[in-house]
Amino acid sequence: MANIIVVDDSQFMRLILKEIITGMGHTVIAEAEDGYEAILKYSELHPDLVTMDINMPRMSGVSALKEIIKIDPSAKIVICSALGQQSMITEAIRAGAKDFVVKPIQESRVKEAIHKIITDQ
């Protein structure tokens, strides 16, 4: 199963994602509250996948995504974003995000995105 980092400034959202991910049999190896912390954790742990919020303090998810892709062009990142942020989602996909999940998240959609990316389908 996959090792995953969950990045979101909302502790509640991290908890929900962690429950979904562990329920799938994967391991959440770290959590981060902002993009800067996400880059540090990615560099240290080299996870199989990252879930990344777009709007976070200190450094946005899109900025962190771009930095992580510089470190590892094959990084697998799923963007989590609220409705109405289509331009940021588009920018994230162009920068290398593999998929996106719209908030409020639906468990089935999170599972679909993670499964698709982990199995390269």
N, C-alpha and C. Protein backbone atom coordinates (compact mmCIF):
# COMPACT_ATOMS: atom_id res chain seq x y z
N MET A 1 0.84 -1.18 0.00
CA MET A 1 0.00 0.00 0.00
C MET A 1 0.88 1.25 0.00
N ALA A 2 0.27 2.40 -0.21
CA ALA A 2 1.02 3.64 -0.42
C ALA A 2 1.28 4.41 0.86
N ASN A 3 2.40 5.14 0.86
CA ASN A 3 2.73 6.10 1.92
C ASN A 3 2.32 7.48 1.42
N ILE A 4 1.51 8.17 2.22
CA ILE A 4 0.89 9.42 1.77
C ILE A 4 1.11 10.54 2.78
N ILE A 5 1.32 11.76 2.26
CA ILE A 5 1.37 12.97 3.10
C ILE A 5 0.09 13.76 2.83
N VAL A 6 -0.55 14.20 3.91
CA VAL A 6 -1.77 15.01 3.83
C VAL A 6 -1.43 16.45 4.18
N VAL A 7 -1.72 17.37 3.26
CA VAL A 7 -1.38 18.79 3.45
C VAL A 7 -2.65 19.63 3.40
N ASP A 8 -2.99 20.25 4.52
CA ASP A 8 -4.15 21.13 4.59
C ASP A 8 -4.02 21.97 5.85
N ASP A 9 -4.38 23.25 5.79
CA ASP A 9 -4.28 24.08 6.98
C ASP A 9 -5.40 23.79 7.98
N SER A 10 -6.43 23.08 7.56
CA SER A 10 -7.52 22.70 8.45
C SER A 10 -7.24 21.34 9.09
N GLN A 11 -7.14 21.34 10.41
CA GLN A 11 -6.90 20.09 11.12
C GLN A 11 -8.06 19.11 10.88
N PHE A 12 -9.28 19.64 10.83
CA PHE A 12 -10.45 18.80 10.59
C PHE A 12 -10.37 18.13 9.22
N MET A 13 -9.97 18.87 8.20
CA MET A 13 -9.85 18.31 6.85
C MET A 13 -8.75 17.25 6.81
N ARG A 14 -7.65 17.50 7.51
CA ARG A 14 -6.58 16.49 7.56
C ARG A 14 -7.09 15.21 8.21
N LEU A 15 -7.89 15.35 9.26
CA LEU A 15 -8.45 14.19 9.95
C LEU A 15 -9.37 13.39 9.02
N ILE A 16 -10.24 14.08 8.30
CA ILE A 16 -11.15 13.40 7.37
C ILE A 16 -10.36 12.66 6.30
N LEU A 17 -9.39 13.33 5.69
CA LEU A 17 -8.58 12.69 4.65
C LEU A 17 -7.80 11.50 5.20
N LYS A 18 -7.26 11.67 6.40
CA LYS A 18 -6.49 10.58 7.03
C LYS A 18 -7.38 9.35 7.24
N GLU A 19 -8.61 9.57 7.69
CA GLU A 19 -9.53 8.44 7.91
C GLU A 19 -9.86 7.73 6.59
N ILE A 20 -10.08 8.49 5.54
CA ILE A 20 -10.37 7.90 4.23
C ILE A 20 -9.17 7.10 3.74
N ILE A 21 -7.99 7.70 3.83
CA ILE A 21 -6.76 7.08 3.33
C ILE A 21 -6.42 5.81 4.09
N THR A 22 -6.48 5.87 5.42
CA THR A 22 -6.16 4.67 6.22
C THR A 22 -7.22 3.60 6.03
N GLY A 23 -8.47 4.02 5.80
CA GLY A 23 -9.54 3.07 5.52
C GLY A 23 -9.32 2.31 4.23
N MET A 24 -8.55 2.89 3.32
CA MET A 24 -8.21 2.24 2.05
C MET A 24 -7.02 1.29 2.21
N GLY A 25 -6.40 1.30 3.39
CA GLY A 25 -5.24 0.45 3.63
C GLY A 25 -3.91 1.13 3.41
N HIS A 26 -3.93 2.43 3.10
CA HIS A 26 -2.70 3.19 2.92
C HIS A 26 -2.25 3.77 4.26
N THR A 27 -1.03 4.31 4.30
CA THR A 27 -0.48 4.89 5.52
C THR A 27 -0.24 6.38 5.33
N VAL A 28 -0.74 7.18 6.28
CA VAL A 28 -0.43 8.61 6.28
C VAL A 28 0.87 8.75 7.08
N ILE A 29 1.97 9.02 6.37
CA ILE A 29 3.28 9.07 7.02
C ILE A 29 3.60 10.44 7.60
N ALA A 30 2.83 11.46 7.18
CA ALA A 30 3.04 12.81 7.73
C ALA A 30 1.87 13.69 7.35
N GLU A 31 1.75 14.77 8.11
CA GLU A 31 0.77 15.82 7.81
C GLU A 31 1.51 17.14 7.80
N ALA A 32 0.99 18.09 7.02
CA ALA A 32 1.57 19.43 6.98
C ALA A 32 0.44 20.46 6.94
N GLU A 33 0.71 21.63 7.52
CA GLU A 33 -0.30 22.69 7.61
C GLU A 33 -0.18 23.75 6.53
N ASP A 34 0.94 23.75 5.79
CA ASP A 34 1.12 24.74 4.73
C ASP A 34 2.09 24.20 3.69
N GLY A 35 2.20 24.95 2.60
CA GLY A 35 3.03 24.51 1.49
C GLY A 35 4.50 24.37 1.83
N TYR A 36 5.00 25.29 2.64
CA TYR A 36 6.41 25.25 3.02
C TYR A 36 6.72 23.95 3.78
N GLU A 37 5.86 23.63 4.75
CA GLU A 37 6.04 22.41 5.52
C GLU A 37 5.90 21.18 4.62
N ALA A 38 5.02 21.26 3.63
CA ALA A 38 4.83 20.14 2.70
C ALA A 38 6.12 19.84 1.93
N ILE A 39 6.80 20.88 1.48
CA ILE A 39 8.06 20.70 0.75
C ILE A 39 9.10 20.02 1.63
N LEU A 40 9.22 20.48 2.87
CA LEU A 40 10.18 19.87 3.80
C LEU A 40 9.87 18.40 4.04
N LYS A 41 8.60 18.09 4.28
CA LYS A 41 8.20 16.70 4.55
C LYS A 41 8.41 15.83 3.30
N TYR A 42 8.08 16.38 2.13
CA TYR A 42 8.27 15.61 0.90
C TYR A 42 9.75 15.28 0.70
N SER A 43 10.60 16.28 0.88
CA SER A 43 12.05 16.08 0.70
C SER A 43 12.60 15.05 1.66
N GLU A 44 12.06 15.03 2.85
CA GLU A 44 12.54 14.10 3.89
C GLU A 44 12.01 12.68 3.69
N LEU A 45 10.73 12.56 3.32
CA LEU A 45 10.06 11.26 3.37
C LEU A 45 9.81 10.60 2.01
N HIS A 46 9.82 11.36 0.93
CA HIS A 46 9.59 10.83 -0.42
C HIS A 46 8.36 9.91 -0.48
N PRO A 47 7.17 10.47 -0.22
CA PRO A 47 5.95 9.66 -0.21
C PRO A 47 5.56 9.19 -1.60
N ASP A 48 4.64 8.23 -1.63
CA ASP A 48 4.09 7.75 -2.90
C ASP A 48 3.08 8.74 -3.48
N LEU A 49 2.44 9.53 -2.59
CA LEU A 49 1.40 10.45 -3.02
C LEU A 49 1.24 11.55 -1.97
N VAL A 50 0.78 12.72 -2.43
CA VAL A 50 0.49 13.85 -1.54
C VAL A 50 -0.91 14.37 -1.86
N THR A 51 -1.72 14.61 -0.83
CA THR A 51 -2.96 15.37 -1.03
C THR A 51 -2.64 16.79 -0.59
N MET A 52 -3.01 17.78 -1.41
CA MET A 52 -2.57 19.16 -1.16
C MET A 52 -3.73 20.14 -1.31
N ASP A 53 -4.00 20.88 -0.24
CA ASP A 53 -4.96 21.98 -0.30
C ASP A 53 -4.35 23.10 -1.14
N ILE A 54 -5.18 23.93 -1.75
CA ILE A 54 -4.67 25.06 -2.53
C ILE A 54 -4.43 26.28 -1.66
N ASN A 55 -5.44 26.68 -0.90
CA ASN A 55 -5.34 27.90 -0.09
C ASN A 55 -4.84 27.60 1.31
N MET A 56 -3.60 27.99 1.56
CA MET A 56 -2.98 27.78 2.87
C MET A 56 -2.12 28.99 3.20
N PRO A 57 -1.89 29.24 4.50
CA PRO A 57 -1.01 30.35 4.88
C PRO A 57 0.45 30.06 4.52
N ARG A 58 1.25 31.07 4.55
CA ARG A 58 2.70 31.02 4.31
C ARG A 58 3.06 30.66 2.88
N MET A 59 2.57 29.54 2.36
CA MET A 59 2.83 29.15 0.98
C MET A 59 1.64 28.36 0.46
N SER A 60 1.12 28.75 -0.68
CA SER A 60 -0.05 28.07 -1.25
C SER A 60 0.30 26.66 -1.74
N GLY A 61 -0.75 25.89 -1.94
CA GLY A 61 -0.56 24.55 -2.46
C GLY A 61 0.01 24.54 -3.87
N VAL A 62 -0.37 25.52 -4.68
CA VAL A 62 0.15 25.58 -6.05
C VAL A 62 1.65 25.88 -6.04
N SER A 63 2.08 26.82 -5.19
CA SER A 63 3.51 27.13 -5.08
C SER A 63 4.29 25.93 -4.58
N ALA A 64 3.74 25.24 -3.57
CA ALA A 64 4.41 24.04 -3.04
C ALA A 64 4.48 22.95 -4.09
N LEU A 65 3.40 22.77 -4.83
CA LEU A 65 3.36 21.78 -5.90
C LEU A 65 4.49 22.02 -6.90
N LYS A 66 4.65 23.27 -7.32
CA LYS A 66 5.70 23.61 -8.28
C LYS A 66 7.09 23.29 -7.73
N GLU A 67 7.31 23.58 -6.45
CA GLU A 67 8.62 23.29 -5.84
C GLU A 67 8.86 21.79 -5.71
N ILE A 68 7.82 21.05 -5.33
CA ILE A 68 7.96 19.59 -5.21
C ILE A 68 8.25 18.97 -6.57
N ILE A 69 7.60 19.45 -7.62
CA ILE A 69 7.84 18.94 -8.98
C ILE A 69 9.28 19.22 -9.41
N LYS A 70 9.84 20.36 -8.97
CA LYS A 70 11.26 20.64 -9.26
C LYS A 70 12.16 19.60 -8.60
N ILE A 71 11.82 19.22 -7.36
CA ILE A 71 12.59 18.22 -6.61
C ILE A 71 12.41 16.84 -7.23
N ASP A 72 11.16 16.52 -7.58
CA ASP A 72 10.82 15.19 -8.09
C ASP A 72 9.75 15.32 -9.19
N PRO A 73 10.19 15.36 -10.44
CA PRO A 73 9.23 15.52 -11.54
C PRO A 73 8.17 14.42 -11.62
N SER A 74 8.41 13.28 -10.99
CA SER A 74 7.43 12.20 -11.01
C SER A 74 6.52 12.20 -9.78
N ALA A 75 6.56 13.26 -8.99
CA ALA A 75 5.72 13.35 -7.78
C ALA A 75 4.25 13.20 -8.13
N LYS A 76 3.53 12.49 -7.28
CA LYS A 76 2.09 12.27 -7.48
C LYS A 76 1.34 13.10 -6.45
N ILE A 77 0.66 14.14 -6.94
CA ILE A 77 -0.02 15.08 -6.06
C ILE A 77 -1.47 15.25 -6.49
N VAL A 78 -2.38 15.13 -5.51
CA VAL A 78 -3.80 15.37 -5.71
C VAL A 78 -4.13 16.70 -5.05
N ILE A 79 -4.68 17.62 -5.80
CA ILE A 79 -5.07 18.93 -5.27
C ILE A 79 -6.49 18.84 -4.71
N CYS A 80 -6.70 19.44 -3.53
CA CYS A 80 -8.03 19.54 -2.93
C CYS A 80 -8.39 21.02 -2.90
N SER A 81 -9.53 21.36 -3.48
CA SER A 81 -9.88 22.77 -3.63
C SER A 81 -11.37 23.00 -3.52
N ALA A 82 -11.74 24.17 -3.03
CA ALA A 82 -13.15 24.55 -2.96
C ALA A 82 -13.67 24.91 -4.35
N LEU A 83 -14.97 24.80 -4.52
CA LEU A 83 -15.60 25.24 -5.76
C LEU A 83 -15.28 26.71 -5.98
N GLY A 84 -15.20 27.13 -7.22
CA GLY A 84 -14.93 28.53 -7.52
C GLY A 84 -13.46 28.85 -7.67
N GLN A 85 -12.60 27.86 -7.56
CA GLN A 85 -11.16 28.07 -7.70
C GLN A 85 -10.64 27.42 -8.97
N GLN A 86 -11.45 27.46 -10.02
CA GLN A 86 -11.12 26.76 -11.26
C GLN A 86 -9.79 27.20 -11.84
N SER A 87 -9.48 28.50 -11.78
CA SER A 87 -8.21 28.96 -12.37
C SER A 87 -7.02 28.39 -11.61
N MET A 88 -7.14 28.27 -10.29
CA MET A 88 -6.04 27.70 -9.50
C MET A 88 -5.91 26.20 -9.74
N ILE A 89 -7.05 25.52 -9.90
CA ILE A 89 -7.02 24.09 -10.20
C ILE A 89 -6.34 23.88 -11.56
N THR A 90 -6.71 24.69 -12.53
CA THR A 90 -6.10 24.59 -13.87
C THR A 90 -4.59 24.83 -13.79
N GLU A 91 -4.18 25.84 -13.03
CA GLU A 91 -2.76 26.12 -12.86
C GLU A 91 -2.04 24.94 -12.21
N ALA A 92 -2.68 24.33 -11.21
CA ALA A 92 -2.08 23.18 -10.52
C ALA A 92 -1.93 21.99 -11.45
N ILE A 93 -2.94 21.73 -12.26
CA ILE A 93 -2.86 20.61 -13.22
C ILE A 93 -1.75 20.87 -14.24
N ARG A 94 -1.67 22.08 -14.73
CA ARG A 94 -0.59 22.43 -15.68
C ARG A 94 0.79 22.30 -15.04
N ALA A 95 0.87 22.56 -13.73
CA ALA A 95 2.15 22.50 -13.02
C ALA A 95 2.54 21.07 -12.65
N GLY A 96 1.61 20.12 -12.81
CA GLY A 96 1.98 18.73 -12.56
C GLY A 96 1.10 17.95 -11.62
N ALA A 97 0.03 18.54 -11.09
CA ALA A 97 -0.89 17.78 -10.25
C ALA A 97 -1.51 16.66 -11.09
N LYS A 98 -1.69 15.51 -10.49
CA LYS A 98 -2.22 14.36 -11.23
C LYS A 98 -3.74 14.32 -11.26
N ASP A 99 -4.39 14.97 -10.27
CA ASP A 99 -5.85 14.97 -10.20
C ASP A 99 -6.26 16.04 -9.20
N PHE A 100 -7.56 16.27 -9.10
CA PHE A 100 -8.06 17.21 -8.09
C PHE A 100 -9.37 16.69 -7.52
N VAL A 101 -9.63 17.09 -6.28
CA VAL A 101 -10.86 16.75 -5.57
C VAL A 101 -11.46 18.06 -5.10
N VAL A 102 -12.75 18.26 -5.37
CA VAL A 102 -13.42 19.49 -4.98
C VAL A 102 -13.98 19.36 -3.56
N LYS A 103 -13.76 20.42 -2.76
CA LYS A 103 -14.33 20.47 -1.41
C LYS A 103 -15.73 21.07 -1.49
N PRO A 104 -16.67 20.68 -0.66
CA PRO A 104 -16.50 19.67 0.38
C PRO A 104 -16.26 18.29 -0.25
N ILE A 105 -15.30 17.59 0.29
CA ILE A 105 -14.88 16.34 -0.34
C ILE A 105 -15.91 15.24 -0.15
N GLN A 106 -15.97 14.39 -1.14
CA GLN A 106 -16.80 13.19 -1.07
C GLN A 106 -15.85 12.01 -0.98
N GLU A 107 -16.09 11.14 -0.03
CA GLU A 107 -15.20 10.01 0.20
C GLU A 107 -14.97 9.20 -1.07
N SER A 108 -16.02 8.95 -1.84
CA SER A 108 -15.88 8.14 -3.05
C SER A 108 -14.94 8.81 -4.06
N ARG A 109 -15.00 10.13 -4.16
CA ARG A 109 -14.14 10.85 -5.11
C ARG A 109 -12.69 10.83 -4.67
N VAL A 110 -12.45 10.95 -3.36
CA VAL A 110 -11.08 10.88 -2.84
C VAL A 110 -10.50 9.49 -3.13
N LYS A 111 -11.28 8.47 -2.84
CA LYS A 111 -10.83 7.09 -3.09
C LYS A 111 -10.52 6.87 -4.57
N GLU A 112 -11.40 7.37 -5.43
CA GLU A 112 -11.21 7.22 -6.88
C GLU A 112 -9.90 7.88 -7.32
N ALA A 113 -9.67 9.11 -6.88
CA ALA A 113 -8.46 9.84 -7.28
C ALA A 113 -7.20 9.14 -6.79
N ILE A 114 -7.19 8.72 -5.53
CA ILE A 114 -6.01 8.06 -4.97
C ILE A 114 -5.76 6.73 -5.68
N HIS A 115 -6.81 5.95 -5.85
CA HIS A 115 -6.65 4.64 -6.51
C HIS A 115 -6.12 4.80 -7.93
N LYS A 116 -6.69 5.76 -8.66
CA LYS A 116 -6.28 5.99 -10.05
C LYS A 116 -4.79 6.33 -10.13
N ILE A 117 -4.33 7.18 -9.24
CA ILE A 117 -2.94 7.64 -9.29
C ILE A 117 -1.98 6.56 -8.80
N ILE A 118 -2.33 5.90 -7.72
CA ILE A 118 -1.45 4.86 -7.16
C ILE A 118 -1.29 3.70 -8.15
N THR A 119 -2.37 3.37 -8.85
CA THR A 119 -2.31 2.24 -9.78
C THR A 119 -1.97 2.67 -11.21
N ASP A 120 -1.70 3.98 -11.40
CA ASP A 120 -1.37 4.54 -12.72
C ASP A 120 -2.42 4.24 -13.78
N GLN A 121 -3.68 4.37 -13.41
CA GLN A 121 -4.77 4.12 -14.37
C GLN A 121 -5.43 5.41 -14.76
